[in-house]
Protein backbone atom coordinates (compact mmCIF):
# COMPACT_ATOMS: atom_id res chain seq x y z
CA MET A 1 30.53 -0.20 -9.17
CA ASP A 2 29.88 -1.03 -5.55
CA VAL A 3 28.74 -4.66 -5.16
CA GLY A 4 27.28 -6.11 -1.97
CA LEU A 5 25.80 -9.42 -0.86
CA GLN A 6 22.17 -9.39 0.28
CA MET A 7 21.30 -11.80 3.12
CA ILE A 8 17.68 -12.98 3.27
CA PHE A 9 17.58 -15.87 5.79
CA ALA A 10 14.68 -17.75 4.22
CA SER A 11 13.54 -21.33 4.54
CA TYR A 12 10.66 -21.04 2.07
CA GLY A 13 11.10 -23.74 -0.55
CA TRP A 14 13.14 -26.09 1.64
CA THR A 15 11.94 -29.13 3.56
CA ASN A 16 13.31 -30.45 6.83
CA VAL A 17 15.73 -27.58 7.31
CA SER A 18 16.19 -25.94 10.71
CA ASP A 19 16.41 -22.21 11.33
CA GLU A 20 19.90 -22.82 12.68
CA GLN A 21 21.00 -24.40 9.42
CA VAL A 22 19.54 -21.51 7.41
CA TRP A 23 21.47 -19.02 9.51
CA ASP A 24 24.71 -21.02 9.54
CA GLU A 25 24.72 -21.35 5.77
CA GLU A 26 23.76 -17.72 5.11
CA LEU A 27 26.58 -16.55 7.39
CA LYS A 28 28.98 -18.90 5.64
CA LEU A 29 28.11 -17.32 2.29
CA ALA A 30 28.54 -13.84 3.77
CA ARG A 31 32.01 -14.57 5.09
CA LEU A 32 32.94 -16.13 1.75
CA ALA A 33 31.71 -13.05 -0.12
CA ALA A 34 33.76 -10.81 2.17
CA ASP A 35 36.88 -12.91 1.56
CA LEU A 36 36.34 -12.92 -2.21
CA GLY A 37 36.12 -9.16 -2.65
CA PHE A 38 32.55 -7.92 -2.19
CA ASN A 39 32.31 -4.30 -1.06
CA ALA A 40 29.51 -4.72 1.48
CA LEU A 41 27.25 -7.14 3.30
CA TRP A 42 23.55 -6.25 3.53
CA ALA A 43 20.65 -7.84 5.41
CA VAL A 44 16.89 -7.46 5.40
CA GLU A 45 14.64 -7.20 8.46
CA HIS A 46 11.78 -9.69 8.57
CA HIS A 47 10.01 -11.62 11.30
CA PHE A 48 8.11 -14.78 12.12
CA ASN A 49 7.84 -16.58 8.75
CA ASP A 50 9.67 -18.87 6.30
CA TYR A 51 9.78 -15.98 3.81
CA SER A 52 12.61 -14.39 5.79
CA PHE A 53 13.60 -14.28 9.45
CA CYS A 54 16.26 -11.75 10.36
CA PRO A 55 14.58 -9.90 13.24
CA ASP A 56 17.51 -7.59 14.09
CA ASN A 57 19.81 -6.70 11.22
CA ILE A 58 21.73 -4.11 13.25
CA GLN A 59 22.68 -6.79 15.77
CA LEU A 60 23.67 -9.09 12.90
CA MET A 61 25.84 -6.40 11.34
CA SER A 62 27.63 -5.80 14.63
CA TYR A 63 28.73 -9.44 14.48
CA LEU A 64 29.71 -9.28 10.81
CA ALA A 65 31.61 -6.03 11.28
CA ALA A 66 33.87 -7.90 13.70
CA VAL A 67 34.37 -11.13 11.74
CA CYS A 68 34.59 -9.43 8.32
CA PRO A 69 36.80 -6.38 8.98
CA ASN A 70 37.43 -5.46 5.33
CA VAL A 71 33.89 -4.82 4.05
CA ASP A 72 31.12 -2.38 4.79
CA VAL A 73 27.96 -3.60 6.53
CA GLY A 74 24.46 -2.34 5.87
CA THR A 75 20.78 -2.68 6.70
CA ALA A 76 18.36 -3.02 3.80
CA ALA A 77 16.44 -2.13 5.75
CA VAL A 78 15.52 -1.33 9.38
CA ILE A 79 11.71 -1.12 9.35
CA LEU A 80 11.17 2.06 11.33
CA PRO A 81 7.50 1.72 12.36
CA TRP A 82 8.52 -1.34 14.41
CA HIS A 83 11.26 0.53 16.32
CA ASP A 84 11.77 3.51 18.57
CA PRO A 85 13.77 6.15 16.61
CA LEU A 86 15.94 7.06 19.60
CA ARG A 87 17.03 3.43 19.97
CA VAL A 88 17.76 3.11 16.24
CA ALA A 89 19.92 6.24 16.36
CA GLU A 90 21.81 4.90 19.37
CA GLN A 91 22.33 1.50 17.76
CA ALA A 92 23.49 3.06 14.49
CA SER A 93 25.95 5.33 16.26
CA MET A 94 27.35 2.44 18.29
CA LEU A 95 27.71 0.15 15.26
CA ASP A 96 29.39 2.93 13.31
CA TYR A 97 31.86 3.34 16.17
CA LEU A 98 32.54 -0.40 16.37
CA SER A 99 32.98 -0.69 12.59
CA LYS A 100 35.07 2.48 12.28
CA GLY A 101 32.73 4.09 9.79
CA ARG A 102 31.81 1.00 7.76
CA PHE A 103 28.08 1.06 8.53
CA ARG A 104 25.49 2.02 5.91
CA LEU A 105 22.04 2.75 7.32
CA GLY A 106 19.09 1.65 5.20
CA MET A 107 15.52 2.31 6.39
CA GLY A 108 12.06 1.20 5.26
CA ARG A 109 8.42 1.44 6.33
CA GLY A 110 7.30 -2.19 5.93
CA LEU A 111 4.73 -3.90 3.77
CA ALA A 112 3.53 -7.14 5.37
CA ARG A 113 0.24 -6.88 7.22
CA ARG A 114 1.06 -10.00 9.27
CA GLU A 115 4.22 -8.36 10.65
CA PHE A 116 2.46 -5.11 11.53
CA GLU A 117 -0.26 -7.02 13.36
CA ALA A 118 2.28 -9.02 15.37
CA PHE A 119 3.88 -5.76 16.51
CA ARG A 120 0.46 -4.42 17.45
CA GLY A 121 0.73 -1.70 14.84
CA THR A 122 -1.24 -0.59 11.83
CA MET A 123 -0.18 -0.10 8.23
CA ASP A 124 -2.31 3.06 8.12
CA GLU A 125 0.25 4.87 10.28
CA SER A 126 3.37 3.52 8.61
CA ARG A 127 4.05 6.45 6.28
CA GLU A 128 3.68 9.03 9.06
CA ARG A 129 5.78 6.97 11.45
CA PHE A 130 8.51 6.39 8.88
CA ASP A 131 8.73 10.06 7.92
CA GLU A 132 8.87 11.23 11.54
CA ALA A 133 11.32 8.59 12.70
CA ALA A 134 13.63 8.79 9.68
CA ARG A 135 14.00 12.56 10.00
CA MET A 136 14.78 12.23 13.71
CA ILE A 137 17.35 9.49 13.13
CA VAL A 138 19.13 11.26 10.26
CA ASP A 139 19.31 14.51 12.22
CA THR A 140 20.50 12.72 15.36
CA LEU A 141 23.35 11.02 13.53
CA GLU A 142 24.52 14.41 12.21
CA THR A 143 24.09 16.47 15.39
CA GLY A 144 24.39 13.93 18.20
CA PHE A 145 21.08 15.08 19.70
CA CYS A 146 17.70 13.37 19.31
CA GLU A 147 14.44 15.26 19.62
CA GLY A 148 10.97 15.17 18.14
CA ASN A 149 7.56 16.71 18.57
CA GLY A 150 5.56 14.93 15.90
CA LYS A 151 2.26 13.11 16.03
CA HIS A 152 3.82 9.76 16.93
CA TYR A 153 7.15 10.56 18.63
CA LYS A 154 7.35 13.09 21.44
CA GLN A 155 11.05 12.92 22.15
CA PRO A 156 12.65 15.35 24.64
CA ARG A 157 16.01 16.60 23.40
CA ILE A 158 18.73 14.20 24.54
CA GLU A 159 22.34 13.61 23.57
CA ILE A 160 23.17 10.09 22.43
CA ARG A 161 26.34 8.29 23.47
CA PRO A 162 28.67 7.23 22.01
CA ARG A 163 28.51 10.49 20.12
CA PRO A 164 28.47 10.19 16.31
CA THR A 165 31.89 11.09 14.90
CA ARG A 166 31.30 10.61 11.16
CA SER A 167 28.62 11.96 8.87
CA PHE A 168 26.11 9.53 7.41
CA LYS A 169 25.64 11.67 4.32
CA ASN A 170 25.97 9.50 1.20
CA ARG A 171 25.55 6.31 3.25
CA THR A 172 21.89 6.67 4.15
CA TYR A 173 19.42 4.56 2.16
CA ALA A 174 15.63 4.29 2.01
CA VAL A 175 13.46 1.62 0.40
CA ALA A 176 11.41 3.30 -2.32
CA SER A 177 8.93 0.94 -3.95
CA SER A 178 5.99 3.36 -4.11
CA ASP A 179 5.60 6.98 -5.19
CA ASP A 180 5.30 8.39 -1.68
CA SER A 181 8.38 6.41 -0.60
CA VAL A 182 10.30 7.97 -3.49
CA VAL A 183 9.37 11.40 -2.15
CA SER A 184 10.33 10.44 1.39
CA ALA A 185 13.72 9.15 0.24
CA ALA A 186 14.36 12.37 -1.67
CA LYS A 187 13.47 14.54 1.34
CA LEU A 188 16.09 12.66 3.35
CA ASN A 189 18.59 12.83 0.46
CA ALA A 190 18.84 9.07 0.91
CA ARG A 191 19.83 6.66 -1.82
CA MET A 192 16.91 4.65 -3.16
CA VAL A 193 16.69 0.93 -2.50
CA MET A 194 14.77 -0.90 -5.23
CA PHE A 195 14.19 -4.59 -5.89
CA ALA A 196 14.92 -6.45 -9.13
CA ASP A 197 11.38 -7.70 -9.57
CA ARG A 198 10.23 -6.19 -12.87
CA PRO A 199 11.83 -4.95 -16.11
CA TRP A 200 14.00 -1.88 -15.50
CA PRO A 201 12.21 0.45 -17.95
CA MET A 202 9.19 0.09 -15.64
CA ARG A 203 11.35 1.34 -12.75
CA MET A 204 12.69 4.42 -14.51
CA PRO A 205 9.82 6.84 -13.75
CA ALA A 206 10.47 6.39 -10.01
CA ILE A 207 14.26 6.62 -10.39
CA THR A 208 13.94 9.75 -12.55
CA LYS A 209 11.50 11.32 -10.08
CA HIS A 210 13.90 10.70 -7.19
CA ARG A 211 16.79 12.30 -9.09
CA GLU A 212 14.71 15.33 -9.99
CA LEU A 213 13.46 15.79 -6.42
CA VAL A 214 16.98 15.54 -4.95
CA ARG A 215 18.14 18.24 -7.38
CA GLN A 216 15.21 20.48 -6.41
CA MET A 217 15.41 19.89 -2.66
CA HIS A 218 19.17 19.65 -2.10
CA GLY A 219 20.83 21.24 -5.13
CA MET A 220 22.91 18.17 -5.89
CA GLU A 221 22.82 14.90 -7.78
CA ALA A 222 21.25 11.90 -6.09
CA GLY A 223 23.49 9.03 -5.07
CA ALA A 224 23.34 5.90 -7.18
CA PRO A 225 20.39 3.67 -6.24
CA LEU A 226 20.98 0.37 -4.46
CA LEU A 227 19.37 -2.43 -6.46
CA ALA A 228 18.51 -5.55 -4.47
CA ASP A 229 19.37 -8.18 -7.03
CA PHE A 230 18.94 -11.95 -7.42
CA ALA A 231 21.54 -14.07 -9.20
CA VAL A 232 21.83 -17.59 -10.54
CA CYS A 233 25.37 -17.86 -11.91
CA THR A 234 26.29 -21.01 -13.86
CA PRO A 235 29.36 -22.09 -15.87
CA THR A 236 27.26 -22.94 -18.96
CA MET A 237 23.77 -22.18 -20.17
CA ASP A 238 22.85 -25.84 -19.96
CA GLY A 239 19.97 -25.91 -17.47
CA ALA A 240 20.54 -22.29 -16.40
CA GLU A 241 17.13 -20.98 -17.42
CA GLU A 242 15.37 -23.91 -15.79
CA ALA A 243 17.26 -23.36 -12.51
CA ALA A 244 16.60 -19.61 -12.57
CA ARG A 245 12.89 -20.11 -13.22
CA LYS A 246 12.67 -22.73 -10.48
CA TYR A 247 14.33 -20.74 -7.69
CA MET A 248 13.20 -17.27 -8.75
CA GLY A 249 9.70 -18.64 -9.25
CA LYS A 250 9.67 -20.07 -5.75
CA PHE A 251 10.90 -16.75 -4.37
CA VAL A 252 8.14 -14.87 -6.21
CA GLU A 253 5.65 -17.33 -4.75
CA SER A 254 7.00 -16.67 -1.24
CA ASN A 255 6.87 -12.92 -1.84
CA PHE A 256 3.22 -13.02 -2.87
CA TYR A 257 2.40 -15.25 0.09
CA HIS A 258 4.21 -13.20 2.73
CA TYR A 259 2.93 -9.82 1.58
CA GLU A 260 -0.55 -11.13 0.69
CA LEU A 261 -0.14 -9.41 -2.65
CA LEU A 262 -3.34 -10.85 -4.05
CA GLY A 263 -5.31 -9.48 -1.11
CA GLU A 264 -7.73 -6.60 -1.43
CA HIS A 265 -6.39 -4.61 1.54
CA PHE A 266 -3.75 -2.65 -0.41
CA ALA A 267 -6.41 -0.72 -2.28
CA SER A 268 -7.83 0.64 0.97
CA VAL A 269 -4.81 0.97 3.28
CA LYS A 270 -3.48 4.51 3.40
CA GLY A 271 -0.20 4.93 1.51
CA TYR A 272 -0.23 1.48 -0.11
CA ASP A 273 -2.61 2.06 -2.99
CA ALA A 274 0.33 1.89 -5.45
CA TYR A 275 0.58 -1.83 -4.74
CA ALA A 276 -2.92 -2.30 -6.06
CA GLN A 277 -1.46 -1.64 -9.53
CA LYS A 278 1.05 -4.48 -9.11
CA ILE A 279 -1.74 -6.75 -7.97
CA ALA A 280 -3.84 -5.85 -11.02
CA LEU A 281 -0.86 -6.63 -13.27
CA ALA A 282 -0.36 -9.98 -11.54
CA LYS A 283 -3.98 -10.90 -12.08
CA GLU A 284 -3.72 -9.90 -15.73
CA ILE A 285 -0.57 -11.79 -16.72
CA GLY A 286 -0.68 -14.58 -14.12
CA MET A 287 2.10 -16.01 -11.96
CA ASP A 288 4.05 -17.31 -14.95
CA GLY A 289 4.09 -13.82 -16.38
CA ILE A 290 5.21 -12.33 -13.08
CA VAL A 291 8.08 -14.82 -12.85
CA SER A 292 9.11 -14.03 -16.43
CA ALA A 293 9.12 -10.31 -15.62
CA PHE A 294 11.19 -11.03 -12.51
CA MET A 295 13.70 -12.97 -14.61
CA GLU A 296 14.03 -9.98 -16.97
CA ALA A 297 15.10 -7.81 -14.05
CA ALA A 298 17.32 -10.25 -12.13
CA VAL A 299 20.48 -11.86 -13.56
CA TRP A 300 21.04 -15.48 -14.47
CA GLY A 301 23.19 -17.67 -16.67
CA THR A 302 26.89 -17.60 -17.43
CA PRO A 303 29.16 -14.76 -16.28
CA ASP A 304 29.24 -13.37 -19.84
CA ARG A 305 25.44 -13.32 -20.01
CA ILE A 306 25.20 -11.68 -16.56
CA LEU A 307 27.69 -8.99 -17.61
CA ARG A 308 25.63 -8.27 -20.74
CA MET A 309 22.53 -7.94 -18.56
CA PHE A 310 24.34 -5.49 -16.29
CA GLU A 311 25.50 -3.49 -19.30
CA GLU A 312 21.92 -3.31 -20.57
CA ARG A 313 20.72 -2.30 -17.11
CA LYS A 314 23.36 0.42 -16.83
CA ALA A 315 22.32 1.79 -20.21
CA ILE A 316 18.79 2.20 -18.83
CA VAL A 317 19.36 3.11 -15.19
CA GLY A 318 22.78 4.74 -15.20
CA ASP A 319 25.05 4.19 -12.21
CA PHE A 320 23.79 1.80 -9.55
CA GLU A 321 24.98 -0.21 -6.56
CA LEU A 322 24.16 -3.87 -6.02
CA ALA A 323 22.96 -5.94 -3.08
CA THR A 324 22.85 -9.41 -4.61
CA SER A 325 21.37 -12.58 -3.18
CA PHE A 326 22.49 -16.02 -4.32
CA ARG A 327 20.28 -18.07 -1.99
CA PHE A 328 16.51 -17.76 -2.25
CA GLY A 329 13.48 -19.85 -3.17
CA GLY A 330 14.99 -23.12 -2.01
CA THR A 331 18.38 -22.74 -3.71
CA PRO A 332 20.61 -25.58 -2.42
CA TYR A 333 23.61 -24.32 -0.48
CA ASP A 334 26.21 -25.99 -2.73
CA PHE A 335 24.58 -24.52 -5.85
CA ALA A 336 24.54 -21.05 -4.26
CA GLU A 337 28.18 -21.28 -3.19
CA GLU A 338 29.32 -22.45 -6.62
CA GLY A 339 27.43 -19.56 -8.21
CA LEU A 340 28.87 -17.06 -5.74
CA ARG A 341 32.44 -18.26 -6.37
CA LEU A 342 32.01 -18.08 -10.16
CA TYR A 343 30.41 -14.63 -9.92
CA CYS A 344 33.28 -13.40 -7.74
CA LYS A 345 35.86 -14.75 -10.18
CA GLU A 346 34.41 -13.53 -13.47
CA VAL A 347 31.70 -10.92 -12.84
CA LEU A 348 32.81 -9.02 -9.75
CA PRO A 349 36.18 -7.72 -11.04
CA VAL A 350 34.58 -6.41 -14.21
CA VAL A 351 31.68 -4.50 -12.67
CA GLN A 352 33.86 -3.16 -9.86
CA SER A 353 36.12 -1.66 -12.53
CA TRP A 354 33.29 0.34 -14.08
CA LYS A 355 33.77 4.03 -13.39
CA ALA A 356 30.89 6.08 -12.09
CA GLU A 357 29.60 8.76 -14.40
CA ALA A 358 30.64 12.25 -13.34
CA PRO A 359 27.55 14.13 -12.10
CA ALA A 360 26.54 17.19 -14.05
CA LYS A 361 26.90 20.44 -12.19
CA ILE A 362 23.67 22.06 -11.08
CA ALA A 363 23.38 25.70 -11.96
CA ALA A 364 22.80 28.06 -9.07
CA GLU A 365 19.31 29.44 -8.87
């Protein structure tokens, strides 16, 4: 199994902590993870708020590709409606050149109304903009030429430099948290990116749909999904559940705050109506119930317990990749580092040894 570290850069849940300290400590964890055997380093894109502030994850990954030469680097994800697709294609090609093929490109359409408004955009256009831009970027990285004549991007045909020299097939990812995003990811033949925020049986309809669509559209098996995970790893179970509930609960709180998930706008904004279902569930079971559901999906406790949780997840989901965060919701740095070191010692070697299931052959039509 491929295991990566997810970098969030959040100060939500801390007091009297500077942005510089948040970044210094997150980078310290990333370099430690690279030294201890992780396969990849991933980073989100978010702006302006304590929830997360990594405004340019491609720039960040250019730095990490240099200081961590033995791991892949990835974006989970570049939020395309906030960027020009030609520039993203250029940046991706350049980073792939600098990293010698270690870059994994993840893309998303965005969810936070406050971020869209700051960029003078509208959530109503996000699906169209994502679909247009993603297709342009994927094609550009395969052909070396960018062009588009869609509703939002009128791009004259132009060659990008440095020219792409390696295919991005099998290392293109797309966030897929709603039904239409699942379809978009399948059209691109991109691996799904999903978040560990609810029990995995609830995620299976979307995962199954993506696999079926990739078979229909591309005549092949879909790549394993990338699961953005959250981990609290402890040497004993003494206090483990309390720590997990505290930090995961604070992260859930920050998530609901940043995305305004209890707001009414999701029911009326084009392409986001699926989130209205999550909001209805939250209102039904309450925040305590949402945190409990989150804890069912994420991993916490001793290495043995975490491995059992991964085994149970694999039995449900099948093969998957991981992008795991150890610092969220006010987790103290020392606690996060101790958990990361223990995870690397006792969990990482085991899951990395798991062999991927051989894909079934698809009969020719």
